[in-house]
Amino acid sequence: MSNQPATTDDDPLAELGGRPVLLFDGVCNLCDRIVQEIIPRDPTGKIAFAPLQSAVGRALQERHGFDADDLDTVILVEGNSVQTKSDAAIRVAELLGWPYAALVVGRLVPRNVRNEIYDFVADNRYGWFGKKDQCMVPDEDVSDRFLE
């Protein structure tokens, strides 16, 4: 056992200063479009992003007990807190502030109902919106918000 302090190489979140990280399917056109819609609505960069398929995405999934080969679930990691599916989507809206935070009323709908709808869209997203051959490459002006 080493007495050396942990480095940011050991913990990809250390360099983020506690920013939440949204893990998304990097080859999904719908998921990519949603991320592209979040970015301008989060001008201060509160939220960081990582494709589920990236080394960081896979490591965070495994750290929190998720199957890194399951790409059907968006995951929001905030410190030791993890939210998935509709809970993650609502939390992202909340983080974006008004008017998007108004979507927290979605929590009034039972989670199982919200997640049934989420799963239906997730199961059909490639057929409806298509997919890419590789994960998106972020524009240079926002590349610091993406973890690989």
C-alpha atoms as a PDB file:
ATOM      1  CA  MET A   1       0.000   0.000   0.000  1.00  0.00           C
ATOM      2  CA  SER A   2       1.383   3.380  -1.000  1.00  0.00           C
ATOM      3  CA  ASN A   3       1.423   6.453   1.189  1.00  0.00           C
ATOM      4  CA  GLN A   4       1.595   8.679  -1.883  1.00  0.00           C
ATOM      5  CA  PRO A   5      -1.264  11.175  -2.225  1.00  0.00           C
ATOM      6  CA  ALA A   6      -3.865  10.481  -4.873  1.00  0.00           C
ATOM      7  CA  THR A   7      -3.364  12.334  -8.138  1.00  0.00           C
ATOM      8  CA  THR A   8      -5.865  13.614 -10.642  1.00  0.00           C
ATOM      9  CA  ASP A   9      -4.798  10.650 -12.794  1.00  0.00           C
ATOM     10  CA  ASP A  10      -6.322   8.414 -10.112  1.00  0.00           C
ATOM     11  CA  ASP A  11      -9.523  10.440  -9.980  1.00  0.00           C
ATOM     12  CA  PRO A  12     -10.690  12.122 -13.178  1.00  0.00           C
ATOM     13  CA  LEU A  13     -13.203  14.164 -11.168  1.00  0.00           C
ATOM     14  CA  ALA A  14     -10.555  15.794  -8.981  1.00  0.00           C
ATOM     15  CA  GLU A  15      -9.765  18.442 -11.607  1.00  0.00           C
ATOM     16  CA  LEU A  16     -13.429  19.421 -11.938  1.00  0.00           C
ATOM     17  CA  GLY A  17     -13.744  21.090  -8.569  1.00  0.00           C
ATOM     18  CA  GLY A  18     -16.936  19.219  -7.733  1.00  0.00           C
ATOM     19  CA  ARG A  19     -18.734  19.922 -11.018  1.00  0.00           C
ATOM     20  CA  PRO A  20     -21.382  17.348 -11.925  1.00  0.00           C
ATOM     21  CA  VAL A  21     -20.510  15.075 -14.848  1.00  0.00           C
ATOM     22  CA  LEU A  22     -23.181  13.972 -17.306  1.00  0.00           C
ATOM     23  CA  LEU A  23     -22.362  10.610 -18.888  1.00  0.00           C
ATOM     24  CA  PHE A  24     -24.116  10.156 -22.226  1.00  0.00           C
ATOM     25  CA  ASP A  25     -24.096   7.808 -25.210  1.00  0.00           C
ATOM     26  CA  GLY A  26     -21.463   9.440 -27.394  1.00  0.00           C
ATOM     27  CA  VAL A  27     -22.589   7.855 -30.669  1.00  0.00           C
ATOM     28  CA  CYS A  28     -26.309   8.587 -30.235  1.00  0.00           C
ATOM     29  CA  ASN A  29     -27.508  11.526 -32.348  1.00  0.00           C
ATOM     30  CA  LEU A  30     -30.309  12.333 -29.880  1.00  0.00           C
ATOM     31  CA  CYS A  31     -27.938  12.279 -26.905  1.00  0.00           C
ATOM     32  CA  ASP A  32     -25.403  14.424 -28.752  1.00  0.00           C
ATOM     33  CA  ARG A  33     -28.105  16.941 -29.666  1.00  0.00           C
ATOM     34  CA  ILE A  34     -29.258  17.160 -26.049  1.00  0.00           C
ATOM     35  CA  VAL A  35     -25.685  17.835 -24.892  1.00  0.00           C
ATOM     36  CA  GLN A  36     -25.365  20.500 -27.603  1.00  0.00           C
ATOM     37  CA  GLU A  37     -28.574  22.099 -26.263  1.00  0.00           C
ATOM     38  CA  ILE A  38     -27.330  22.038 -22.654  1.00  0.00           C
ATOM     39  CA  ILE A  39     -24.004  23.764 -23.389  1.00  0.00           C
ATOM     40  CA  PRO A  40     -25.321  27.256 -24.294  1.00  0.00           C
ATOM     41  CA  ARG A  41     -27.870  27.068 -21.483  1.00  0.00           C
ATOM     42  CA  ASP A  42     -25.026  26.504 -19.017  1.00  0.00           C
ATOM     43  CA  PRO A  43     -22.756  29.462 -19.824  1.00  0.00           C
ATOM     44  CA  THR A  44     -20.778  29.176 -16.582  1.00  0.00           C
ATOM     45  CA  GLY A  45     -19.923  25.539 -17.268  1.00  0.00           C
ATOM     46  CA  LYS A  46     -21.496  24.032 -14.157  1.00  0.00           C
ATOM     47  CA  ILE A  47     -21.885  20.682 -15.919  1.00  0.00           C
ATOM     48  CA  ALA A  48     -19.067  18.609 -17.424  1.00  0.00           C
ATOM     49  CA  PHE A  49     -19.628  15.815 -19.942  1.00  0.00           C
ATOM     50  CA  ALA A  50     -18.153  12.431 -20.794  1.00  0.00           C
ATOM     51  CA  PRO A  51     -19.290   9.853 -23.325  1.00  0.00           C
ATOM     52  CA  LEU A  52     -20.242   6.559 -21.697  1.00  0.00           C
ATOM     53  CA  GLN A  53     -17.811   4.931 -24.139  1.00  0.00           C
ATOM     54  CA  SER A  54     -14.806   7.027 -23.036  1.00  0.00           C
ATOM     55  CA  ALA A  55     -12.195   5.839 -20.541  1.00  0.00           C
ATOM     56  CA  VAL A  56     -13.507   8.326 -17.968  1.00  0.00           C
ATOM     57  CA  GLY A  57     -17.118   7.357 -18.658  1.00  0.00           C
ATOM     58  CA  ARG A  58     -16.370   3.658 -18.280  1.00  0.00           C
ATOM     59  CA  ALA A  59     -14.348   4.235 -15.099  1.00  0.00           C
ATOM     60  CA  LEU A  60     -17.126   6.290 -13.507  1.00  0.00           C
ATOM     61  CA  GLN A  61     -19.734   3.702 -14.443  1.00  0.00           C
ATOM     62  CA  GLU A  62     -17.685   0.922 -12.892  1.00  0.00           C
ATOM     63  CA  ARG A  63     -16.894   3.011  -9.804  1.00  0.00           C
ATOM     64  CA  HIS A  64     -20.615   3.461  -9.182  1.00  0.00           C
ATOM     65  CA  GLY A  65     -21.613  -0.141  -9.923  1.00  0.00           C
ATOM     66  CA  PHE A  66     -22.952   0.212 -13.472  1.00  0.00           C
ATOM     67  CA  ASP A  67     -22.278  -2.109 -16.392  1.00  0.00           C
ATOM     68  CA  ALA A  68     -19.914  -0.096 -18.602  1.00  0.00           C
ATOM     69  CA  ASP A  69     -21.265  -1.880 -21.685  1.00  0.00           C
ATOM     70  CA  ASP A  70     -24.832  -0.661 -21.055  1.00  0.00           C
ATOM     71  CA  LEU A  71     -25.259   2.517 -23.089  1.00  0.00           C
ATOM     72  CA  ASP A  72     -29.010   2.928 -22.560  1.00  0.00           C
ATOM     73  CA  THR A  73     -28.867   5.125 -19.469  1.00  0.00           C
ATOM     74  CA  VAL A  74     -27.773   8.708 -19.004  1.00  0.00           C
ATOM     75  CA  ILE A  75     -25.904   9.035 -15.708  1.00  0.00           C
ATOM     76  CA  LEU A  76     -25.292  12.202 -13.701  1.00  0.00           C
ATOM     77  CA  VAL A  77     -22.438  11.976 -11.186  1.00  0.00           C
ATOM     78  CA  GLU A  78     -22.299  14.678  -8.506  1.00  0.00           C
ATOM     79  CA  GLY A  79     -19.570  13.793  -6.035  1.00  0.00           C
ATOM     80  CA  ASN A  80     -20.735  10.516  -4.502  1.00  0.00           C
ATOM     81  CA  SER A  81     -24.321  11.029  -5.657  1.00  0.00           C
ATOM     82  CA  VAL A  82     -25.470   9.330  -8.849  1.00  0.00           C
ATOM     83  CA  GLN A  83     -28.740   9.800 -10.695  1.00  0.00           C
ATOM     84  CA  THR A  84     -29.920   7.987 -13.795  1.00  0.00           C
ATOM     85  CA  LYS A  85     -32.630   8.128 -16.435  1.00  0.00           C
ATOM     86  CA  SER A  86     -35.411  10.641 -15.738  1.00  0.00           C
ATOM     87  CA  ASP A  87     -33.944  11.621 -12.353  1.00  0.00           C
ATOM     88  CA  ALA A  88     -30.699  12.631 -14.092  1.00  0.00           C
ATOM     89  CA  ALA A  89     -32.596  14.589 -16.753  1.00  0.00           C
ATOM     90  CA  ILE A  90     -34.634  16.477 -14.157  1.00  0.00           C
ATOM     91  CA  ARG A  91     -31.527  17.222 -12.079  1.00  0.00           C
ATOM     92  CA  VAL A  92     -29.730  18.618 -15.149  1.00  0.00           C
ATOM     93  CA  ALA A  93     -32.726  20.897 -15.798  1.00  0.00           C
ATOM     94  CA  GLU A  94     -32.576  21.990 -12.168  1.00  0.00           C
ATOM     95  CA  LEU A  95     -28.845  22.774 -12.482  1.00  0.00           C
ATOM     96  CA  LEU A  96     -29.533  24.927 -15.548  1.00  0.00           C
ATOM     97  CA  GLY A  97     -31.749  27.234 -13.510  1.00  0.00           C
ATOM     98  CA  TRP A  98     -34.871  29.062 -14.585  1.00  0.00           C
ATOM     99  CA  PRO A  99     -36.817  28.409 -16.804  1.00  0.00           C
ATOM    100  CA  TYR A 100     -35.500  24.829 -17.193  1.00  0.00           C
ATOM    101  CA  ALA A 101     -35.636  24.212 -13.453  1.00  0.00           C
ATOM    102  CA  ALA A 102     -39.430  24.326 -13.758  1.00  0.00           C
ATOM    103  CA  LEU A 103     -39.137  20.765 -15.065  1.00  0.00           C
ATOM    104  CA  VAL A 104     -38.669  19.619 -11.464  1.00  0.00           C
ATOM    105  CA  VAL A 105     -42.461  19.326 -11.429  1.00  0.00           C
ATOM    106  CA  GLY A 106     -41.765  16.119 -13.362  1.00  0.00           C
ATOM    107  CA  ARG A 107     -40.871  14.600  -9.999  1.00  0.00           C
ATOM    108  CA  LEU A 108     -44.595  14.606  -9.244  1.00  0.00           C
ATOM    109  CA  VAL A 109     -44.929  11.819 -11.817  1.00  0.00           C
ATOM    110  CA  PRO A 110     -43.980   8.491 -10.239  1.00  0.00           C
ATOM    111  CA  ARG A 111     -40.402   7.474 -11.109  1.00  0.00           C
ATOM    112  CA  ASN A 112     -41.491   4.137 -12.594  1.00  0.00           C
ATOM    113  CA  VAL A 113     -43.807   5.950 -15.038  1.00  0.00           C
ATOM    114  CA  ARG A 114     -41.125   8.512 -15.966  1.00  0.00           C
ATOM    115  CA  ASN A 115     -38.572   5.764 -16.479  1.00  0.00           C
ATOM    116  CA  GLU A 116     -40.938   3.684 -18.634  1.00  0.00           C
ATOM    117  CA  ILE A 117     -41.139   6.657 -20.995  1.00  0.00           C
ATOM    118  CA  TYR A 118     -37.367   7.178 -20.749  1.00  0.00           C
ATOM    119  CA  ASP A 119     -36.731   3.500 -21.548  1.00  0.00           C
ATOM    120  CA  PHE A 120     -39.103   3.593 -24.528  1.00  0.00           C
ATOM    121  CA  VAL A 121     -37.208   6.526 -26.031  1.00  0.00           C
ATOM    122  CA  ALA A 122     -33.821   4.975 -25.156  1.00  0.00           C
ATOM    123  CA  ASP A 123     -34.786   1.687 -26.802  1.00  0.00           C
ATOM    124  CA  ASN A 124     -35.803   3.473 -30.017  1.00  0.00           C
ATOM    125  CA  ARG A 125     -33.338   6.378 -30.192  1.00  0.00           C
ATOM    126  CA  TYR A 126     -31.032   4.892 -32.834  1.00  0.00           C
ATOM    127  CA  GLY A 127     -33.961   4.007 -35.098  1.00  0.00           C
ATOM    128  CA  TRP A 128     -35.574   7.415 -34.725  1.00  0.00           C
ATOM    129  CA  PHE A 129     -32.514   9.682 -34.660  1.00  0.00           C
ATOM    130  CA  GLY A 130     -29.645   7.538 -35.939  1.00  0.00           C
ATOM    131  CA  LYS A 131     -26.146   7.082 -34.598  1.00  0.00           C
ATOM    132  CA  LYS A 132     -22.587   8.038 -35.462  1.00  0.00           C
ATOM    133  CA  ASP A 133     -19.633   5.782 -36.150  1.00  0.00           C
ATOM    134  CA  GLN A 134     -17.641   7.440 -33.373  1.00  0.00           C
ATOM    135  CA  CYS A 135     -18.161   9.716 -30.395  1.00  0.00           C
ATOM    136  CA  MET A 136     -18.595  13.417 -31.020  1.00  0.00           C
ATOM    137  CA  VAL A 137     -15.577  15.713 -30.973  1.00  0.00           C
ATOM    138  CA  PRO A 138     -16.414  18.854 -28.981  1.00  0.00           C
ATOM    139  CA  ASP A 139     -15.749  22.314 -30.380  1.00  0.00           C
ATOM    140  CA  GLU A 140     -12.515  23.830 -29.099  1.00  0.00           C
ATOM    141  CA  ASP A 141     -14.318  26.546 -27.116  1.00  0.00           C
ATOM    142  CA  VAL A 142     -16.070  23.940 -24.924  1.00  0.00           C
ATOM    143  CA  SER A 143     -13.547  21.103 -25.029  1.00  0.00           C
ATOM    144  CA  ASP A 144     -12.505  21.810 -21.427  1.00  0.00           C
ATOM    145  CA  ARG A 145     -15.982  20.660 -20.349  1.00  0.00           C
ATOM    146  CA  PHE A 146     -15.508  17.190 -21.860  1.00  0.00           C
ATOM    147  CA  LEU A 147     -13.664  14.361 -20.161  1.00  0.00           C
ATOM    148  CA  GLU A 148     -12.277  11.550 -22.233  1.00  0.00           C
END
